[in-house]
């Protein structure tokens, strides 16, 4: 399946990336469900569940980073040379 928000990392700003990442997480979540096996066919969603785990870790990492602070980013402090 093609995902609409799988290109989240290509967004211009950290806020846009995080927003698209959350949307991608939601669309992957919609594809998950129980593993099914019937009439010689099976569906194993283990790879989707691992993908969700990876996306959740990335969301958590980005939410706790400086880049997700509104109007902010990296703050630099310079020491005076006394």
Protein backbone atom coordinates (compact mmCIF):
# COMPACT_ATOMS: atom_id res chain seq x y z
CA UNK A 1 0.00 0.00 0.00
CA UNK A 2 1.17 3.51 -0.76
CA UNK A 3 1.05 5.90 2.15
CA UNK A 4 0.21 9.57 1.73
CA UNK A 5 2.52 10.74 4.53
CA UNK A 6 5.49 8.40 4.18
CA UNK A 7 7.53 11.39 2.95
CA UNK A 8 7.31 13.09 6.35
CA UNK A 9 11.11 13.45 6.62
CA UNK A 10 11.24 15.60 3.48
CA UNK A 11 9.12 18.39 4.97
CA UNK A 12 10.79 21.78 5.33
CA UNK A 13 10.56 22.41 9.07
CA UNK A 14 10.70 20.30 12.20
CA UNK A 15 7.08 21.18 13.01
CA UNK A 16 5.91 20.10 9.55
CA UNK A 17 7.92 16.88 9.82
CA UNK A 18 6.39 16.06 13.20
CA UNK A 19 2.86 16.77 11.97
CA UNK A 20 3.32 14.58 8.89
CA UNK A 21 5.00 11.88 10.99
CA UNK A 22 1.96 11.72 13.26
CA UNK A 23 -0.31 11.45 10.22
CA UNK A 24 1.88 8.65 8.83
CA UNK A 25 1.67 6.87 12.18
CA UNK A 26 -2.13 7.12 11.99
CA UNK A 27 -2.30 5.69 8.48
CA UNK A 28 -0.01 2.77 9.40
CA UNK A 29 -2.13 2.15 12.52
CA UNK A 30 -5.20 1.78 10.30
CA UNK A 31 -3.48 -1.11 8.50
CA UNK A 32 -2.78 -3.11 11.65
CA UNK A 33 -4.94 -5.86 13.01
CA UNK A 34 -4.63 -9.47 14.05
CA UNK A 35 -2.60 -11.98 12.06
CA UNK A 36 -5.01 -14.04 9.96
CA UNK A 37 -4.69 -17.45 8.38
CA UNK A 38 -7.46 -19.18 6.42
CA UNK A 39 -7.93 -21.21 3.26
CA UNK A 40 -4.23 -21.37 2.46
CA UNK A 41 -3.68 -17.64 2.79
CA UNK A 42 -2.24 -15.73 5.66
CA UNK A 43 -1.59 -12.14 6.68
CA UNK A 44 1.27 -11.44 9.06
CA UNK A 45 1.32 -7.92 10.39
CA UNK A 46 4.49 -8.23 12.46
CA UNK A 47 6.38 -5.89 10.13
CA UNK A 48 3.64 -3.26 10.47
CA UNK A 49 3.76 -3.53 14.24
CA UNK A 50 7.54 -3.07 14.17
CA UNK A 51 7.09 -0.06 11.89
CA UNK A 52 4.61 1.43 14.38
CA UNK A 53 7.11 0.91 17.20
CA UNK A 54 9.79 2.69 15.17
CA UNK A 55 7.44 5.56 14.30
CA UNK A 56 6.40 5.97 17.94
CA UNK A 57 10.05 6.15 18.99
CA UNK A 58 10.72 8.79 16.33
CA UNK A 59 7.69 10.83 17.43
CA UNK A 60 8.84 10.69 21.05
CA UNK A 61 12.39 11.67 20.08
CA UNK A 62 11.20 14.63 18.01
CA UNK A 63 8.72 15.83 20.62
CA UNK A 64 11.45 15.91 23.23
CA UNK A 65 14.01 17.65 21.00
CA UNK A 66 14.66 21.38 20.71
CA UNK A 67 13.59 21.42 17.07
CA UNK A 68 9.95 20.96 17.97
CA UNK A 69 9.79 24.05 20.19
CA UNK A 70 7.51 26.60 18.56
CA UNK A 71 9.54 29.40 17.04
CA UNK A 72 12.72 27.85 18.29
CA UNK A 73 15.42 25.46 17.47
CA UNK A 74 18.91 25.26 18.76
CA UNK A 75 19.94 27.86 21.27
CA UNK A 76 23.58 28.89 21.32
CA UNK A 77 25.23 30.44 24.34
CA UNK A 78 28.57 32.16 24.00
CA UNK A 79 30.91 32.57 26.88
CA UNK A 80 32.56 35.88 27.31
CA UNK A 81 36.33 35.78 27.31
CA UNK A 82 37.31 37.53 30.50
